[in-house]
N, C-alpha and C. Protein backbone atom coordinates (compact mmCIF):
# COMPACT_ATOMS: atom_id res chain seq x y z
N UNK A 1 -5.45 -18.34 -41.88
CA UNK A 1 -4.05 -18.38 -41.53
C UNK A 1 -3.55 -17.02 -41.05
N UNK A 2 -4.19 -15.97 -41.54
CA UNK A 2 -3.75 -14.63 -41.11
C UNK A 2 -4.09 -14.36 -39.66
N UNK A 3 -5.05 -15.10 -39.11
CA UNK A 3 -5.43 -14.91 -37.71
C UNK A 3 -4.28 -15.26 -36.77
N UNK A 4 -3.41 -16.16 -37.20
CA UNK A 4 -2.23 -16.53 -36.40
C UNK A 4 -1.37 -15.31 -36.12
N UNK A 5 -1.26 -14.42 -37.09
CA UNK A 5 -0.46 -13.21 -36.92
C UNK A 5 -1.05 -12.26 -35.89
N UNK A 6 -2.33 -12.43 -35.59
CA UNK A 6 -2.98 -11.62 -34.56
C UNK A 6 -2.96 -12.36 -33.22
N UNK A 7 -3.20 -13.67 -33.25
CA UNK A 7 -3.33 -14.43 -32.00
C UNK A 7 -2.00 -14.60 -31.28
N UNK A 8 -0.91 -14.78 -32.01
CA UNK A 8 0.39 -14.98 -31.36
C UNK A 8 0.81 -13.73 -30.58
N UNK A 9 0.74 -12.52 -31.12
CA UNK A 9 1.07 -11.34 -30.31
C UNK A 9 0.14 -11.15 -29.11
N UNK A 10 -1.16 -11.46 -29.29
CA UNK A 10 -2.09 -11.34 -28.16
C UNK A 10 -1.71 -12.34 -27.07
N UNK A 11 -1.37 -13.56 -27.44
CA UNK A 11 -0.95 -14.56 -26.46
C UNK A 11 0.33 -14.13 -25.76
N UNK A 12 1.25 -13.54 -26.49
CA UNK A 12 2.50 -13.07 -25.88
C UNK A 12 2.23 -11.93 -24.90
N UNK A 13 1.26 -11.07 -25.22
CA UNK A 13 0.90 -9.99 -24.30
C UNK A 13 0.30 -10.57 -23.02
N UNK A 14 -0.58 -11.57 -23.16
CA UNK A 14 -1.17 -12.22 -21.98
C UNK A 14 -0.10 -12.87 -21.11
N UNK A 15 0.86 -13.51 -21.72
CA UNK A 15 1.95 -14.15 -20.97
C UNK A 15 2.77 -13.09 -20.25
N UNK A 16 3.06 -12.00 -20.92
CA UNK A 16 3.84 -10.92 -20.30
C UNK A 16 3.09 -10.33 -19.11
N UNK A 17 1.79 -10.14 -19.25
CA UNK A 17 0.99 -9.62 -18.13
C UNK A 17 1.00 -10.61 -16.98
N UNK A 18 0.85 -11.90 -17.25
CA UNK A 18 0.85 -12.91 -16.20
C UNK A 18 2.19 -12.94 -15.47
N UNK A 19 3.28 -12.82 -16.21
CA UNK A 19 4.61 -12.81 -15.59
C UNK A 19 4.77 -11.57 -14.72
N UNK A 20 4.30 -10.42 -15.20
CA UNK A 20 4.41 -9.19 -14.40
C UNK A 20 3.58 -9.28 -13.13
N UNK A 21 2.38 -9.85 -13.23
CA UNK A 21 1.54 -10.02 -12.03
C UNK A 21 2.21 -10.98 -11.05
N UNK A 22 2.82 -12.03 -11.54
CA UNK A 22 3.52 -12.97 -10.65
C UNK A 22 4.67 -12.28 -9.93
N UNK A 23 5.49 -11.53 -10.65
CA UNK A 23 6.62 -10.85 -10.01
C UNK A 23 6.14 -9.77 -9.05
N UNK A 24 5.03 -9.11 -9.36
CA UNK A 24 4.46 -8.15 -8.43
C UNK A 24 4.03 -8.85 -7.13
N UNK A 25 3.40 -10.01 -7.25
CA UNK A 25 2.94 -10.75 -6.08
C UNK A 25 4.12 -11.20 -5.22
N UNK A 26 5.19 -11.64 -5.86
CA UNK A 26 6.38 -12.04 -5.11
C UNK A 26 7.02 -10.84 -4.44
N UNK A 27 7.10 -9.73 -5.15
CA UNK A 27 7.73 -8.52 -4.61
C UNK A 27 6.93 -7.94 -3.44
N UNK A 28 5.60 -8.05 -3.49
CA UNK A 28 4.77 -7.51 -2.42
C UNK A 28 4.53 -8.53 -1.31
N UNK A 29 5.32 -9.59 -1.29
CA UNK A 29 5.36 -10.60 -0.22
C UNK A 29 4.03 -11.36 -0.07
N UNK A 30 3.37 -11.63 -1.16
CA UNK A 30 2.13 -12.39 -1.11
C UNK A 30 2.37 -13.86 -0.78
N UNK A 31 3.56 -14.37 -1.08
CA UNK A 31 3.85 -15.79 -0.89
C UNK A 31 4.78 -16.05 0.28
N UNK A 32 4.99 -15.06 1.17
CA UNK A 32 5.93 -15.26 2.27
C UNK A 32 5.41 -16.20 3.34
N UNK A 33 4.14 -16.10 3.68
CA UNK A 33 3.59 -16.92 4.76
C UNK A 33 2.36 -17.67 4.24
N UNK A 34 2.57 -18.86 3.75
CA UNK A 34 1.49 -19.64 3.17
C UNK A 34 0.69 -20.41 4.22
N UNK A 35 1.24 -20.58 5.41
CA UNK A 35 0.58 -21.39 6.44
C UNK A 35 -0.33 -20.58 7.36
N UNK A 36 -0.12 -19.29 7.47
CA UNK A 36 -0.88 -18.49 8.43
C UNK A 36 -2.37 -18.52 8.14
N UNK A 37 -2.76 -18.33 6.90
CA UNK A 37 -4.18 -18.29 6.58
C UNK A 37 -4.85 -19.64 6.78
N UNK A 38 -4.13 -20.72 6.53
CA UNK A 38 -4.75 -22.03 6.71
C UNK A 38 -4.91 -22.40 8.18
N UNK A 39 -4.13 -21.81 9.05
CA UNK A 39 -4.21 -22.13 10.47
C UNK A 39 -5.05 -21.09 11.21
N UNK A 40 -5.17 -19.89 10.67
CA UNK A 40 -5.86 -18.82 11.38
C UNK A 40 -7.34 -19.13 11.60
N UNK A 41 -7.93 -19.95 10.76
CA UNK A 41 -9.34 -20.28 10.93
C UNK A 41 -9.57 -21.13 12.18
N UNK A 42 -8.54 -21.78 12.67
CA UNK A 42 -8.67 -22.65 13.83
C UNK A 42 -8.71 -21.88 15.14
N UNK A 43 -8.31 -20.62 15.14
CA UNK A 43 -8.22 -19.83 16.35
C UNK A 43 -9.24 -18.70 16.33
N UNK A 44 -9.82 -18.42 17.48
CA UNK A 44 -10.80 -17.35 17.60
C UNK A 44 -10.08 -16.08 18.00
N UNK A 45 -9.99 -15.13 17.09
CA UNK A 45 -9.29 -13.89 17.38
C UNK A 45 -10.20 -12.83 17.97
N UNK A 46 -11.50 -13.05 17.98
CA UNK A 46 -12.43 -12.04 18.45
C UNK A 46 -12.38 -11.84 19.96
N UNK A 47 -11.90 -12.81 20.71
CA UNK A 47 -11.89 -12.69 22.17
C UNK A 47 -10.83 -11.71 22.64
N UNK A 48 -9.84 -11.39 21.84
CA UNK A 48 -8.78 -10.48 22.24
C UNK A 48 -9.13 -9.02 22.00
N UNK A 49 -10.17 -8.75 21.25
CA UNK A 49 -10.51 -7.37 20.91
C UNK A 49 -11.24 -6.72 22.07
N UNK A 50 -10.87 -5.49 22.41
CA UNK A 50 -11.58 -4.80 23.49
C UNK A 50 -13.00 -4.47 23.08
N UNK A 51 -13.91 -4.58 24.02
CA UNK A 51 -15.30 -4.29 23.75
C UNK A 51 -16.03 -5.39 23.04
N UNK A 52 -15.39 -6.54 22.91
CA UNK A 52 -16.02 -7.66 22.22
C UNK A 52 -16.98 -8.36 23.15
N UNK A 53 -18.19 -8.57 22.68
CA UNK A 53 -19.17 -9.33 23.46
C UNK A 53 -19.02 -10.81 23.12
N UNK A 54 -19.03 -11.65 24.10
CA UNK A 54 -18.90 -13.09 23.81
C UNK A 54 -20.09 -13.57 23.00
N UNK A 55 -19.83 -14.50 22.12
CA UNK A 55 -20.90 -15.05 21.30
C UNK A 55 -21.76 -15.97 22.15
N UNK A 56 -23.05 -16.02 21.90
CA UNK A 56 -23.90 -16.90 22.71
C UNK A 56 -23.55 -18.36 22.46
N UNK A 57 -23.75 -19.15 23.48
CA UNK A 57 -23.43 -20.57 23.36
C UNK A 57 -24.35 -21.23 22.35
N UNK A 58 -23.81 -22.09 21.58
CA UNK A 58 -24.58 -22.80 20.57
C UNK A 58 -25.29 -23.96 21.26
N UNK A 59 -26.56 -24.10 20.98
CA UNK A 59 -27.32 -25.17 21.60
C UNK A 59 -26.94 -26.50 20.99
N UNK A 60 -26.88 -27.49 21.83
CA UNK A 60 -26.62 -28.83 21.31
C UNK A 60 -27.87 -29.32 20.59
N UNK A 61 -27.71 -30.35 19.81
CA UNK A 61 -28.86 -30.87 19.07
C UNK A 61 -29.90 -31.44 20.02
N UNK A 62 -29.47 -31.99 21.16
CA UNK A 62 -30.44 -32.52 22.13
C UNK A 62 -31.29 -31.39 22.70
N UNK A 63 -30.65 -30.27 23.05
CA UNK A 63 -31.40 -29.13 23.56
C UNK A 63 -32.35 -28.59 22.49
N UNK A 64 -31.86 -28.53 21.26
CA UNK A 64 -32.68 -28.03 20.17
C UNK A 64 -33.88 -28.94 19.95
N UNK A 65 -33.68 -30.25 20.02
CA UNK A 65 -34.78 -31.20 19.85
C UNK A 65 -35.79 -31.06 20.98
N UNK A 66 -35.30 -30.85 22.21
CA UNK A 66 -36.21 -30.69 23.35
C UNK A 66 -37.06 -29.44 23.17
N UNK A 67 -36.46 -28.35 22.75
CA UNK A 67 -37.19 -27.11 22.54
C UNK A 67 -38.22 -27.28 21.44
N UNK A 68 -37.83 -27.96 20.36
CA UNK A 68 -38.75 -28.19 19.25
C UNK A 68 -39.90 -29.08 19.69
N UNK A 69 -39.63 -30.09 20.52
CA UNK A 69 -40.69 -30.98 21.01
C UNK A 69 -41.65 -30.21 21.91
N UNK A 70 -41.11 -29.36 22.77
CA UNK A 70 -41.97 -28.57 23.65
C UNK A 70 -42.85 -27.62 22.84
N UNK A 71 -42.29 -27.02 21.82
CA UNK A 71 -43.05 -26.12 20.96
C UNK A 71 -44.15 -26.89 20.22
N UNK A 72 -43.85 -28.10 19.77
CA UNK A 72 -44.84 -28.92 19.07
C UNK A 72 -45.98 -29.30 20.01
N UNK A 73 -45.65 -29.60 21.28
CA UNK A 73 -46.69 -29.95 22.26
C UNK A 73 -47.59 -28.74 22.51
N UNK A 74 -47.00 -27.56 22.64
CA UNK A 74 -47.80 -26.34 22.86
C UNK A 74 -48.70 -26.08 21.67
N UNK A 75 -48.16 -26.26 20.47
CA UNK A 75 -48.98 -26.03 19.27
C UNK A 75 -50.12 -27.03 19.17
N UNK A 76 -49.85 -28.28 19.57
CA UNK A 76 -50.88 -29.31 19.52
C UNK A 76 -51.97 -29.02 20.54
N UNK A 77 -51.57 -28.51 21.73
CA UNK A 77 -52.56 -28.17 22.74
C UNK A 77 -53.43 -27.01 22.30
N UNK A 78 -52.90 -26.14 21.47
CA UNK A 78 -53.67 -25.02 20.95
C UNK A 78 -54.57 -25.44 19.80
N UNK A 79 -54.44 -26.69 19.37
CA UNK A 79 -55.27 -27.18 18.29
C UNK A 79 -54.63 -27.02 16.92
N UNK A 80 -53.38 -26.68 16.90
CA UNK A 80 -52.67 -26.52 15.63
C UNK A 80 -52.13 -27.88 15.20
N UNK A 81 -52.23 -28.20 13.92
CA UNK A 81 -51.69 -29.48 13.48
C UNK A 81 -50.15 -29.48 13.53
N UNK A 82 -49.58 -30.68 13.64
CA UNK A 82 -48.13 -30.78 13.68
C UNK A 82 -47.58 -30.47 12.37
């Protein structure tokens, strides 16, 4: 029963810290723009940066399959098992 006298003040300290962190987050404008981060992933911002090299085109699965088939044929001609 004496542990209650220790746990209640510790719980109150945790609550006070959580409230202070919440007010700090509100004061530092952490909650002002909740939609920007969820939408920013949809747009490519790298193309606007100077000196940015364009990313190579991603191969379609059909192209990838063709390349893999050609490689398998070459390996088979060399006597390598599939």
